[in-house]
Amino acid sequence: MTNKRNLKKRICDMCGEVAGACLYTEAGYNADAEKVGELVVKIALLQETTVKNVSFSFDKTPKDFENKHAYNVARAKYNKKAFSTLKEGFLKELQSLVTELNALVPTEVKAGHVK
């Protein structure tokens, strides 16, 4: 598992790439500026909430377990599940935003690039 700082940077980088693609779509393909603006706001909100949700804590203490090893195993299992849930939710939402972005590209532009 990567550290939280690097994870937050990767989340920001991914959201920045998609937001940049939105602006490129607006400028390069004359997409609807209002819809692109709304999409960029959605991306920013996704980034903000996901970065905020990266920081979580295990709600038990070592005293709740019979030994330190059992505590470490339970904590690792909890962290793995929490990060997996965070990742799946983030990627699902990001994919839906990319789908919205693709819908903003004019049909004649899409037809010109399809082989």
N, C-alpha and C. Protein backbone atom coordinates (compact mmCIF):
# COMPACT_ATOMS: atom_id res chain seq x y z
N MET A 1 0.85 -1.18 0.00
CA MET A 1 0.00 0.00 0.00
C MET A 1 0.89 1.24 0.00
N THR A 2 0.54 2.19 -0.79
CA THR A 2 1.25 3.46 -0.85
C THR A 2 0.88 4.32 0.36
N ASN A 3 1.67 5.33 0.63
CA ASN A 3 1.30 6.18 1.74
C ASN A 3 0.19 7.15 1.32
N LYS A 4 -0.45 7.74 2.31
CA LYS A 4 -1.62 8.58 2.03
C LYS A 4 -1.28 9.80 1.20
N ARG A 5 -0.12 10.38 1.43
CA ARG A 5 0.28 11.56 0.67
C ARG A 5 0.37 11.24 -0.82
N ASN A 6 1.01 10.13 -1.17
CA ASN A 6 1.12 9.75 -2.58
C ASN A 6 -0.24 9.39 -3.17
N LEU A 7 -1.08 8.76 -2.39
CA LEU A 7 -2.43 8.43 -2.86
C LEU A 7 -3.22 9.70 -3.17
N LYS A 8 -3.12 10.67 -2.28
CA LYS A 8 -3.83 11.94 -2.51
C LYS A 8 -3.29 12.65 -3.75
N LYS A 9 -1.98 12.59 -3.97
CA LYS A 9 -1.40 13.19 -5.17
C LYS A 9 -1.90 12.50 -6.43
N ARG A 10 -1.99 11.18 -6.39
CA ARG A 10 -2.47 10.44 -7.57
C ARG A 10 -3.93 10.78 -7.87
N ILE A 11 -4.74 10.92 -6.82
CA ILE A 11 -6.14 11.29 -7.01
C ILE A 11 -6.23 12.66 -7.65
N CYS A 12 -5.44 13.62 -7.15
CA CYS A 12 -5.44 14.97 -7.71
C CYS A 12 -4.95 14.96 -9.15
N ASP A 13 -3.93 14.16 -9.44
CA ASP A 13 -3.41 14.07 -10.81
C ASP A 13 -4.46 13.52 -11.77
N MET A 14 -5.16 12.47 -11.36
CA MET A 14 -6.17 11.87 -12.22
C MET A 14 -7.31 12.84 -12.48
N CYS A 15 -7.77 13.50 -11.44
CA CYS A 15 -8.85 14.47 -11.61
C CYS A 15 -8.39 15.65 -12.47
N GLY A 16 -7.14 16.07 -12.30
CA GLY A 16 -6.60 17.15 -13.11
C GLY A 16 -6.52 16.79 -14.58
N GLU A 17 -6.16 15.55 -14.86
CA GLU A 17 -6.10 15.10 -16.26
C GLU A 17 -7.48 15.13 -16.91
N VAL A 18 -8.48 14.67 -16.18
CA VAL A 18 -9.84 14.66 -16.74
C VAL A 18 -10.36 16.09 -16.90
N ALA A 19 -10.07 16.95 -15.94
CA ALA A 19 -10.49 18.35 -16.05
C ALA A 19 -9.80 19.02 -17.24
N GLY A 20 -8.53 18.71 -17.44
CA GLY A 20 -7.81 19.24 -18.60
C GLY A 20 -8.42 18.76 -19.90
N ALA A 21 -8.82 17.51 -19.93
CA ALA A 21 -9.49 16.98 -21.12
C ALA A 21 -10.81 17.70 -21.37
N CYS A 22 -11.48 18.08 -20.29
CA CYS A 22 -12.73 18.84 -20.44
C CYS A 22 -12.46 20.18 -21.11
N LEU A 23 -11.45 20.87 -20.64
CA LEU A 23 -11.12 22.18 -21.21
C LEU A 23 -10.65 22.05 -22.65
N TYR A 24 -9.91 21.01 -22.95
CA TYR A 24 -9.48 20.76 -24.32
C TYR A 24 -10.68 20.49 -25.22
N THR A 25 -11.63 19.73 -24.70
CA THR A 25 -12.84 19.43 -25.48
C THR A 25 -13.62 20.70 -25.76
N GLU A 26 -13.70 21.57 -24.77
CA GLU A 26 -14.42 22.83 -24.97
C GLU A 26 -13.72 23.69 -26.02
N ALA A 27 -12.42 23.83 -25.91
CA ALA A 27 -11.68 24.70 -26.84
C ALA A 27 -11.51 24.06 -28.22
N GLY A 28 -11.18 22.79 -28.25
CA GLY A 28 -10.86 22.14 -29.51
C GLY A 28 -12.06 21.70 -30.33
N TYR A 29 -13.14 21.36 -29.65
CA TYR A 29 -14.29 20.82 -30.36
C TYR A 29 -15.54 21.67 -30.20
N ASN A 30 -15.38 22.87 -29.67
CA ASN A 30 -16.50 23.80 -29.48
C ASN A 30 -17.66 23.15 -28.73
N ALA A 31 -17.35 22.45 -27.68
CA ALA A 31 -18.38 21.83 -26.85
C ALA A 31 -19.09 22.92 -26.04
N ASP A 32 -20.25 22.60 -25.53
CA ASP A 32 -21.05 23.53 -24.75
C ASP A 32 -20.27 23.94 -23.50
N ALA A 33 -19.95 25.22 -23.39
CA ALA A 33 -19.11 25.73 -22.29
C ALA A 33 -19.79 25.55 -20.94
N GLU A 34 -21.09 25.71 -20.89
CA GLU A 34 -21.81 25.57 -19.62
C GLU A 34 -21.75 24.13 -19.11
N LYS A 35 -21.97 23.19 -20.01
CA LYS A 35 -21.93 21.78 -19.61
C LYS A 35 -20.51 21.37 -19.21
N VAL A 36 -19.52 21.87 -19.92
CA VAL A 36 -18.13 21.57 -19.57
C VAL A 36 -17.81 22.15 -18.20
N GLY A 37 -18.28 23.36 -17.94
CA GLY A 37 -18.08 23.98 -16.62
C GLY A 37 -18.70 23.17 -15.50
N GLU A 38 -19.90 22.68 -15.73
CA GLU A 38 -20.56 21.83 -14.73
C GLU A 38 -19.77 20.55 -14.50
N LEU A 39 -19.24 19.99 -15.56
CA LEU A 39 -18.46 18.76 -15.46
C LEU A 39 -17.16 19.00 -14.67
N VAL A 40 -16.52 20.13 -14.89
CA VAL A 40 -15.30 20.46 -14.15
C VAL A 40 -15.62 20.62 -12.67
N VAL A 41 -16.75 21.21 -12.36
CA VAL A 41 -17.15 21.35 -10.95
C VAL A 41 -17.39 19.98 -10.33
N LYS A 42 -18.02 19.07 -11.06
CA LYS A 42 -18.24 17.71 -10.56
C LYS A 42 -16.91 17.01 -10.29
N ILE A 43 -15.96 17.22 -11.18
CA ILE A 43 -14.64 16.61 -11.00
C ILE A 43 -13.96 17.17 -9.76
N ALA A 44 -14.06 18.47 -9.56
CA ALA A 44 -13.46 19.10 -8.38
C ALA A 44 -14.10 18.58 -7.10
N LEU A 45 -15.41 18.40 -7.10
CA LEU A 45 -16.10 17.87 -5.92
C LEU A 45 -15.70 16.42 -5.66
N LEU A 46 -15.56 15.64 -6.73
CA LEU A 46 -15.10 14.26 -6.59
C LEU A 46 -13.71 14.22 -5.97
N GLN A 47 -12.83 15.08 -6.45
CA GLN A 47 -11.48 15.13 -5.92
C GLN A 47 -11.49 15.52 -4.44
N GLU A 48 -12.25 16.53 -4.11
CA GLU A 48 -12.31 17.00 -2.72
C GLU A 48 -12.83 15.92 -1.78
N THR A 49 -13.92 15.28 -2.14
CA THR A 49 -14.49 14.27 -1.24
C THR A 49 -13.61 13.03 -1.15
N THR A 50 -13.00 12.63 -2.26
CA THR A 50 -12.16 11.44 -2.23
C THR A 50 -10.90 11.69 -1.41
N VAL A 51 -10.28 12.84 -1.57
CA VAL A 51 -9.08 13.16 -0.79
C VAL A 51 -9.42 13.23 0.70
N LYS A 52 -10.59 13.77 0.99
CA LYS A 52 -11.01 13.86 2.39
C LYS A 52 -11.25 12.46 2.97
N ASN A 53 -11.75 11.55 2.17
CA ASN A 53 -12.07 10.21 2.64
C ASN A 53 -10.86 9.28 2.70
N VAL A 54 -9.71 9.72 2.20
CA VAL A 54 -8.50 8.90 2.28
C VAL A 54 -8.09 8.71 3.73
N SER A 55 -8.30 9.71 4.55
CA SER A 55 -7.92 9.64 5.96
C SER A 55 -9.06 9.03 6.77
N PHE A 56 -8.83 7.85 7.27
CA PHE A 56 -9.78 7.16 8.14
C PHE A 56 -8.98 6.41 9.17
N SER A 57 -9.66 5.94 10.20
CA SER A 57 -8.91 5.24 11.25
C SER A 57 -9.66 3.98 11.68
N PHE A 58 -8.88 3.03 12.12
CA PHE A 58 -9.41 1.77 12.65
C PHE A 58 -10.02 2.09 14.01
N ASP A 59 -11.25 1.66 14.24
CA ASP A 59 -11.98 2.08 15.44
C ASP A 59 -11.74 1.20 16.67
N LYS A 60 -10.78 0.31 16.61
CA LYS A 60 -10.49 -0.55 17.76
C LYS A 60 -9.07 -0.27 18.25
N THR A 61 -8.79 -0.70 19.47
CA THR A 61 -7.45 -0.52 20.05
C THR A 61 -6.84 -1.90 20.30
N PRO A 62 -5.53 -1.95 20.53
CA PRO A 62 -4.89 -3.24 20.81
C PRO A 62 -5.48 -3.95 22.04
N LYS A 63 -6.04 -3.18 22.95
CA LYS A 63 -6.64 -3.78 24.15
C LYS A 63 -7.90 -4.58 23.84
N ASP A 64 -8.50 -4.32 22.69
CA ASP A 64 -9.71 -5.05 22.29
C ASP A 64 -9.40 -6.46 21.77
N PHE A 65 -8.13 -6.78 21.61
CA PHE A 65 -7.72 -8.06 21.06
C PHE A 65 -6.88 -8.83 22.07
N GLU A 66 -6.78 -10.12 21.86
CA GLU A 66 -6.04 -10.96 22.79
C GLU A 66 -4.53 -10.74 22.73
N ASN A 67 -4.03 -10.34 21.55
CA ASN A 67 -2.61 -10.04 21.44
C ASN A 67 -2.38 -9.03 20.31
N LYS A 68 -1.16 -8.55 20.22
CA LYS A 68 -0.81 -7.52 19.23
C LYS A 68 -0.93 -8.05 17.80
N HIS A 69 -0.60 -9.31 17.61
CA HIS A 69 -0.69 -9.90 16.28
C HIS A 69 -2.14 -9.89 15.77
N ALA A 70 -3.08 -10.27 16.61
CA ALA A 70 -4.50 -10.28 16.22
C ALA A 70 -4.96 -8.87 15.88
N TYR A 71 -4.50 -7.90 16.64
CA TYR A 71 -4.83 -6.50 16.36
C TYR A 71 -4.31 -6.08 14.98
N ASN A 72 -3.03 -6.41 14.71
CA ASN A 72 -2.42 -6.03 13.44
C ASN A 72 -3.11 -6.69 12.25
N VAL A 73 -3.51 -7.94 12.41
CA VAL A 73 -4.21 -8.65 11.34
C VAL A 73 -5.56 -8.00 11.07
N ALA A 74 -6.30 -7.70 12.13
CA ALA A 74 -7.62 -7.09 11.97
C ALA A 74 -7.50 -5.69 11.36
N ARG A 75 -6.51 -4.95 11.80
CA ARG A 75 -6.31 -3.60 11.28
C ARG A 75 -5.92 -3.63 9.81
N ALA A 76 -5.06 -4.53 9.43
CA ALA A 76 -4.66 -4.66 8.02
C ALA A 76 -5.85 -5.04 7.15
N LYS A 77 -6.67 -5.95 7.63
CA LYS A 77 -7.86 -6.37 6.89
C LYS A 77 -8.83 -5.19 6.72
N TYR A 78 -9.02 -4.43 7.78
CA TYR A 78 -9.90 -3.25 7.75
C TYR A 78 -9.38 -2.23 6.73
N ASN A 79 -8.07 -1.94 6.79
CA ASN A 79 -7.49 -0.95 5.89
C ASN A 79 -7.59 -1.40 4.44
N LYS A 80 -7.35 -2.66 4.19
CA LYS A 80 -7.42 -3.18 2.82
C LYS A 80 -8.84 -3.02 2.27
N LYS A 81 -9.82 -3.36 3.07
CA LYS A 81 -11.22 -3.25 2.63
C LYS A 81 -11.60 -1.78 2.43
N ALA A 82 -11.18 -0.92 3.34
CA ALA A 82 -11.52 0.50 3.24
C ALA A 82 -10.90 1.14 2.00
N PHE A 83 -9.62 0.85 1.74
CA PHE A 83 -8.98 1.41 0.56
C PHE A 83 -9.57 0.84 -0.72
N SER A 84 -9.94 -0.42 -0.69
CA SER A 84 -10.56 -1.04 -1.86
C SER A 84 -11.91 -0.38 -2.17
N THR A 85 -12.69 -0.14 -1.14
CA THR A 85 -13.98 0.52 -1.31
C THR A 85 -13.80 1.94 -1.83
N LEU A 86 -12.82 2.65 -1.29
CA LEU A 86 -12.53 4.01 -1.73
C LEU A 86 -12.12 4.02 -3.21
N LYS A 87 -11.25 3.11 -3.58
CA LYS A 87 -10.76 3.02 -4.95
C LYS A 87 -11.88 2.70 -5.92
N GLU A 88 -12.70 1.71 -5.59
CA GLU A 88 -13.80 1.32 -6.47
C GLU A 88 -14.79 2.45 -6.67
N GLY A 89 -15.14 3.13 -5.59
CA GLY A 89 -16.08 4.25 -5.69
C GLY A 89 -15.52 5.39 -6.51
N PHE A 90 -14.25 5.72 -6.28
CA PHE A 90 -13.61 6.80 -7.02
C PHE A 90 -13.54 6.48 -8.51
N LEU A 91 -13.08 5.29 -8.84
CA LEU A 91 -12.94 4.93 -10.25
C LEU A 91 -14.28 4.84 -10.96
N LYS A 92 -15.30 4.37 -10.27
CA LYS A 92 -16.64 4.29 -10.86
C LYS A 92 -17.16 5.69 -11.17
N GLU A 93 -17.01 6.60 -10.22
CA GLU A 93 -17.49 7.97 -10.42
C GLU A 93 -16.67 8.67 -11.51
N LEU A 94 -15.37 8.46 -11.51
CA LEU A 94 -14.52 9.08 -12.53
C LEU A 94 -14.89 8.56 -13.92
N GLN A 95 -15.17 7.27 -14.01
CA GLN A 95 -15.58 6.70 -15.30
C GLN A 95 -16.88 7.31 -15.79
N SER A 96 -17.82 7.54 -14.88
CA SER A 96 -19.09 8.16 -15.30
C SER A 96 -18.87 9.60 -15.77
N LEU A 97 -17.92 10.30 -15.15
CA LEU A 97 -17.61 11.67 -15.59
C LEU A 97 -16.94 11.67 -16.96
N VAL A 98 -16.08 10.69 -17.22
CA VAL A 98 -15.45 10.57 -18.53
C VAL A 98 -16.50 10.25 -19.59
N THR A 99 -17.48 9.43 -19.24
CA THR A 99 -18.57 9.12 -20.16
C THR A 99 -19.36 10.39 -20.49
N GLU A 100 -19.62 11.21 -19.47
CA GLU A 100 -20.29 12.50 -19.71
C GLU A 100 -19.47 13.38 -20.63
N LEU A 101 -18.16 13.39 -20.41
CA LEU A 101 -17.27 14.19 -21.25
C LEU A 101 -17.33 13.72 -22.70
N ASN A 102 -17.31 12.42 -22.90
CA ASN A 102 -17.37 11.88 -24.26
C ASN A 102 -18.68 12.24 -24.94
N ALA A 103 -19.74 12.37 -24.16
CA ALA A 103 -21.03 12.75 -24.74
C ALA A 103 -21.03 14.20 -25.22
N LEU A 104 -20.13 15.02 -24.71
CA LEU A 104 -20.07 16.42 -25.11
C LEU A 104 -19.35 16.63 -26.44
N VAL A 105 -18.58 15.64 -26.86
CA VAL A 105 -17.87 15.75 -28.14
C VAL A 105 -18.90 15.63 -29.25
N PRO A 106 -18.90 16.58 -30.19
CA PRO A 106 -19.88 16.53 -31.28
C PRO A 106 -19.81 15.23 -32.09
N THR A 107 -20.94 14.79 -32.57
CA THR A 107 -21.05 13.53 -33.30
C THR A 107 -20.20 13.52 -34.56
N GLU A 108 -20.16 14.66 -35.28
CA GLU A 108 -19.37 14.69 -36.50
C GLU A 108 -17.87 14.55 -36.22
N VAL A 109 -17.42 15.00 -35.07
CA VAL A 109 -16.01 14.83 -34.69
C VAL A 109 -15.75 13.36 -34.38
N LYS A 110 -16.67 12.72 -33.67
CA LYS A 110 -16.51 11.30 -33.35
C LYS A 110 -16.48 10.48 -34.64
N ALA A 111 -17.36 10.80 -35.57
CA ALA A 111 -17.44 10.06 -36.82
C ALA A 111 -16.16 10.22 -37.63
N GLY A 112 -15.52 11.36 -37.56
CA GLY A 112 -14.30 11.60 -38.32
C GLY A 112 -13.10 10.84 -37.79
N HIS A 113 -13.14 10.45 -36.51
CA HIS A 113 -12.02 9.76 -35.90
C HIS A 113 -12.18 8.24 -35.85
N VAL A 114 -13.36 7.76 -36.18
CA VAL A 114 -13.61 6.32 -36.13
C VAL A 114 -13.16 5.69 -37.44
N LYS A 115 -12.45 4.59 -37.35
CA LYS A 115 -11.99 3.91 -38.57
C LYS A 115 -12.82 2.71 -38.84
